[in-house]
């Protein structure tokens, strides 16, 4: 890979109708948590309902590319739960740069959300769901 890192908007047609409904035609771009922050925030790309007592994989609408000696890791960027009864299960998920070496394997970023409450929760487009950070890693020769 080159000396670049970043995100690319993807809208794969292989998504289910439910997943596709969670994406809008344009994206809420990943943004630094604050000026100079190494953490990028990812927001809901469209309004959607998180059903009661369920786990849902929500597409973030972007693939990630990075330096060869880096990984990209999903992190929590809020100290409180998104909503009462909602947990983010994807914290710690790691994406490796080797995925980008296979042009047929577009690595879409997802976040798994669990609704532990007995009622549906409506999530609005633009609501920050998770963060992500580029980390250096050691490679074995």
C-alpha atoms as a PDB file:
ATOM      1  CA  UNK A   1       0.000   0.000   0.000  1.00  0.00           C
ATOM      2  CA  UNK A   2       1.105   3.587  -0.372  1.00  0.00           C
ATOM      3  CA  UNK A   3       1.976   5.977   2.408  1.00  0.00           C
ATOM      4  CA  UNK A   4      -1.661   7.020   2.785  1.00  0.00           C
ATOM      5  CA  UNK A   5      -4.317   6.194   5.310  1.00  0.00           C
ATOM      6  CA  UNK A   6      -7.969   7.055   5.346  1.00  0.00           C
ATOM      7  CA  UNK A   7     -11.489   6.024   4.517  1.00  0.00           C
ATOM      8  CA  UNK A   8     -13.384   5.409   1.316  1.00  0.00           C
ATOM      9  CA  UNK A   9     -17.179   5.599   0.997  1.00  0.00           C
ATOM     10  CA  UNK A  10     -18.566   2.279  -0.241  1.00  0.00           C
ATOM     11  CA  UNK A  11     -22.103   1.312  -1.073  1.00  0.00           C
ATOM     12  CA  UNK A  12     -21.968  -2.410  -1.781  1.00  0.00           C
ATOM     13  CA  UNK A  13     -24.959  -3.929  -3.476  1.00  0.00           C
ATOM     14  CA  UNK A  14     -24.296  -7.240  -1.744  1.00  0.00           C
ATOM     15  CA  UNK A  15     -25.844  -5.892   1.472  1.00  0.00           C
ATOM     16  CA  UNK A  16     -29.204  -7.127   2.654  1.00  0.00           C
ATOM     17  CA  UNK A  17     -32.196  -4.811   2.283  1.00  0.00           C
ATOM     18  CA  UNK A  18     -32.067  -4.183   6.053  1.00  0.00           C
ATOM     19  CA  UNK A  19     -28.369  -3.229   5.945  1.00  0.00           C
ATOM     20  CA  UNK A  20     -28.879  -1.076   2.843  1.00  0.00           C
ATOM     21  CA  UNK A  21     -31.644   0.836   4.635  1.00  0.00           C
ATOM     22  CA  UNK A  22     -29.052   1.847   7.258  1.00  0.00           C
ATOM     23  CA  UNK A  23     -27.016   3.708   4.628  1.00  0.00           C
ATOM     24  CA  UNK A  24     -27.878   6.936   2.905  1.00  0.00           C
ATOM     25  CA  UNK A  25     -26.699   7.883  -0.580  1.00  0.00           C
ATOM     26  CA  UNK A  26     -23.974  10.116   0.853  1.00  0.00           C
ATOM     27  CA  UNK A  27     -22.087   9.626   4.036  1.00  0.00           C
ATOM     28  CA  UNK A  28     -21.548  11.282   7.380  1.00  0.00           C
ATOM     29  CA  UNK A  29     -17.771  11.382   7.000  1.00  0.00           C
ATOM     30  CA  UNK A  30     -15.511  10.080   9.772  1.00  0.00           C
ATOM     31  CA  UNK A  31     -14.185  13.062  11.717  1.00  0.00           C
ATOM     32  CA  UNK A  32     -11.466  13.471  14.359  1.00  0.00           C
ATOM     33  CA  UNK A  33     -12.939  13.397  17.870  1.00  0.00           C
ATOM     34  CA  UNK A  34     -11.353  16.834  18.393  1.00  0.00           C
ATOM     35  CA  UNK A  35      -8.648  18.860  16.602  1.00  0.00           C
ATOM     36  CA  UNK A  36      -5.460  16.794  16.491  1.00  0.00           C
ATOM     37  CA  UNK A  37      -7.157  13.660  17.854  1.00  0.00           C
ATOM     38  CA  UNK A  38      -5.955  10.269  16.575  1.00  0.00           C
ATOM     39  CA  UNK A  39      -9.499   8.921  17.097  1.00  0.00           C
ATOM     40  CA  UNK A  40     -12.020   9.253  14.266  1.00  0.00           C
ATOM     41  CA  UNK A  41     -15.739   9.179  15.037  1.00  0.00           C
ATOM     42  CA  UNK A  42     -18.241   7.198  12.977  1.00  0.00           C
ATOM     43  CA  UNK A  43     -21.893   8.183  12.867  1.00  0.00           C
ATOM     44  CA  UNK A  44     -25.105   6.485  11.830  1.00  0.00           C
ATOM     45  CA  UNK A  45     -25.450   6.944   8.056  1.00  0.00           C
ATOM     46  CA  UNK A  46     -29.260   6.948   8.096  1.00  0.00           C
ATOM     47  CA  UNK A  47     -32.137   6.820  10.568  1.00  0.00           C
ATOM     48  CA  UNK A  48     -32.909   3.254  11.653  1.00  0.00           C
ATOM     49  CA  UNK A  49     -34.665   1.306  14.370  1.00  0.00           C
ATOM     50  CA  UNK A  50     -32.773  -1.046  16.660  1.00  0.00           C
ATOM     51  CA  UNK A  51     -35.326  -3.756  17.529  1.00  0.00           C
ATOM     52  CA  UNK A  52     -35.938  -4.709  21.155  1.00  0.00           C
ATOM     53  CA  UNK A  53     -33.748  -7.490  22.599  1.00  0.00           C
ATOM     54  CA  UNK A  54     -31.622  -7.853  19.467  1.00  0.00           C
ATOM     55  CA  UNK A  55     -28.092  -7.614  18.110  1.00  0.00           C
ATOM     56  CA  UNK A  56     -27.720  -5.784  14.788  1.00  0.00           C
ATOM     57  CA  UNK A  57     -24.644  -5.301  12.568  1.00  0.00           C
ATOM     58  CA  UNK A  58     -24.789  -1.717  11.367  1.00  0.00           C
ATOM     59  CA  UNK A  59     -22.710  -0.801   8.285  1.00  0.00           C
ATOM     60  CA  UNK A  60     -20.740   2.411   8.806  1.00  0.00           C
ATOM     61  CA  UNK A  61     -20.547   3.048   5.053  1.00  0.00           C
ATOM     62  CA  UNK A  62     -16.769   3.207   4.791  1.00  0.00           C
ATOM     63  CA  UNK A  63     -13.840   0.945   4.062  1.00  0.00           C
ATOM     64  CA  UNK A  64     -10.502   1.710   5.646  1.00  0.00           C
ATOM     65  CA  UNK A  65      -7.014   1.793   4.159  1.00  0.00           C
ATOM     66  CA  UNK A  66      -3.788   2.249   6.077  1.00  0.00           C
ATOM     67  CA  UNK A  67      -0.006   2.013   6.131  1.00  0.00           C
ATOM     68  CA  UNK A  68       1.442  -1.495   5.921  1.00  0.00           C
ATOM     69  CA  UNK A  69       2.651  -1.420   9.528  1.00  0.00           C
ATOM     70  CA  UNK A  70      -0.724  -0.339  10.944  1.00  0.00           C
ATOM     71  CA  UNK A  71      -4.040  -1.755  12.001  1.00  0.00           C
ATOM     72  CA  UNK A  72      -7.315   0.084  12.503  1.00  0.00           C
ATOM     73  CA  UNK A  73      -9.181  -0.634  15.725  1.00  0.00           C
ATOM     74  CA  UNK A  74     -12.744   0.206  16.760  1.00  0.00           C
ATOM     75  CA  UNK A  75     -12.837   2.033  20.102  1.00  0.00           C
ATOM     76  CA  UNK A  76     -15.474   3.600  22.309  1.00  0.00           C
ATOM     77  CA  UNK A  77     -15.452   7.370  22.005  1.00  0.00           C
ATOM     78  CA  UNK A  78     -18.196   8.101  24.506  1.00  0.00           C
ATOM     79  CA  UNK A  79     -18.060   7.446  28.232  1.00  0.00           C
ATOM     80  CA  UNK A  80     -21.798   6.811  28.562  1.00  0.00           C
ATOM     81  CA  UNK A  81     -23.977   4.297  26.690  1.00  0.00           C
ATOM     82  CA  UNK A  82     -25.420   5.468  23.366  1.00  0.00           C
ATOM     83  CA  UNK A  83     -28.901   5.026  24.817  1.00  0.00           C
ATOM     84  CA  UNK A  84     -30.181   3.257  27.919  1.00  0.00           C
ATOM     85  CA  UNK A  85     -30.107  -0.451  27.123  1.00  0.00           C
ATOM     86  CA  UNK A  86     -27.791  -0.202  24.084  1.00  0.00           C
ATOM     87  CA  UNK A  87     -24.310  -1.734  24.149  1.00  0.00           C
ATOM     88  CA  UNK A  88     -21.598  -1.534  21.488  1.00  0.00           C
ATOM     89  CA  UNK A  89     -20.214  -5.050  20.981  1.00  0.00           C
ATOM     90  CA  UNK A  90     -17.607  -4.098  18.352  1.00  0.00           C
ATOM     91  CA  UNK A  91     -15.135  -2.303  20.641  1.00  0.00           C
ATOM     92  CA  UNK A  92     -11.760  -3.924  20.015  1.00  0.00           C
ATOM     93  CA  UNK A  93     -12.538  -5.175  16.495  1.00  0.00           C
ATOM     94  CA  UNK A  94      -9.349  -4.791  14.453  1.00  0.00           C
ATOM     95  CA  UNK A  95      -8.901  -4.401  10.695  1.00  0.00           C
ATOM     96  CA  UNK A  96      -5.517  -5.253   9.184  1.00  0.00           C
ATOM     97  CA  UNK A  97      -3.929  -3.636   6.125  1.00  0.00           C
ATOM     98  CA  UNK A  98      -3.559  -7.025   4.428  1.00  0.00           C
ATOM     99  CA  UNK A  99      -7.263  -6.793   3.519  1.00  0.00           C
ATOM    100  CA  UNK A 100      -6.501  -3.879   1.201  1.00  0.00           C
ATOM    101  CA  UNK A 101      -4.025  -5.975  -0.807  1.00  0.00           C
ATOM    102  CA  UNK A 102      -6.948  -7.942  -2.238  1.00  0.00           C
ATOM    103  CA  UNK A 103      -8.887  -5.517  -4.424  1.00  0.00           C
ATOM    104  CA  UNK A 104     -11.856  -7.911  -4.581  1.00  0.00           C
ATOM    105  CA  UNK A 105     -12.257  -7.878  -0.801  1.00  0.00           C
ATOM    106  CA  UNK A 106     -13.617  -4.439   0.104  1.00  0.00           C
ATOM    107  CA  UNK A 107     -13.512  -4.208   3.872  1.00  0.00           C
ATOM    108  CA  UNK A 108     -16.648  -2.454   5.014  1.00  0.00           C
ATOM    109  CA  UNK A 109     -16.571  -1.203   8.589  1.00  0.00           C
ATOM    110  CA  UNK A 110     -19.446  -2.441  10.747  1.00  0.00           C
ATOM    111  CA  UNK A 111     -20.484  -1.894  14.335  1.00  0.00           C
ATOM    112  CA  UNK A 112     -22.519  -4.427  16.305  1.00  0.00           C
ATOM    113  CA  UNK A 113     -25.142  -2.878  18.556  1.00  0.00           C
ATOM    114  CA  UNK A 114     -27.095  -4.796  21.184  1.00  0.00           C
ATOM    115  CA  UNK A 115     -30.452  -3.529  22.424  1.00  0.00           C
ATOM    116  CA  UNK A 116     -31.055  -5.144  25.826  1.00  0.00           C
ATOM    117  CA  UNK A 117     -34.276  -3.230  26.462  1.00  0.00           C
ATOM    118  CA  UNK A 118     -37.825  -4.417  25.839  1.00  0.00           C
ATOM    119  CA  UNK A 119     -38.579  -1.581  23.406  1.00  0.00           C
ATOM    120  CA  UNK A 120     -37.321  -0.557  19.981  1.00  0.00           C
ATOM    121  CA  UNK A 121     -34.811   2.314  19.908  1.00  0.00           C
ATOM    122  CA  UNK A 122     -34.752   4.829  17.065  1.00  0.00           C
ATOM    123  CA  UNK A 123     -31.260   5.996  16.052  1.00  0.00           C
ATOM    124  CA  UNK A 124     -30.960   9.193  14.039  1.00  0.00           C
ATOM    125  CA  UNK A 125     -28.601   9.855  11.120  1.00  0.00           C
ATOM    126  CA  UNK A 126     -25.494  11.595  12.432  1.00  0.00           C
ATOM    127  CA  UNK A 127     -25.572  10.009  15.916  1.00  0.00           C
ATOM    128  CA  UNK A 128     -21.969   9.093  16.841  1.00  0.00           C
ATOM    129  CA  UNK A 129     -21.810   5.318  17.313  1.00  0.00           C
ATOM    130  CA  UNK A 130     -18.110   4.470  17.748  1.00  0.00           C
ATOM    131  CA  UNK A 131     -14.603   5.685  17.166  1.00  0.00           C
ATOM    132  CA  UNK A 132     -11.623   4.192  15.418  1.00  0.00           C
ATOM    133  CA  UNK A 133      -7.875   4.657  15.681  1.00  0.00           C
ATOM    134  CA  UNK A 134      -4.888   3.771  13.523  1.00  0.00           C
ATOM    135  CA  UNK A 135      -2.282   1.845  15.550  1.00  0.00           C
ATOM    136  CA  UNK A 136       1.241   0.774  14.680  1.00  0.00           C
ATOM    137  CA  UNK A 137       1.840  -2.966  14.782  1.00  0.00           C
ATOM    138  CA  UNK A 138       4.836  -5.235  14.492  1.00  0.00           C
ATOM    139  CA  UNK A 139       5.017  -7.533  11.475  1.00  0.00           C
ATOM    140  CA  UNK A 140       6.836 -10.836  11.373  1.00  0.00           C
ATOM    141  CA  UNK A 141       9.223 -11.180   8.418  1.00  0.00           C
END
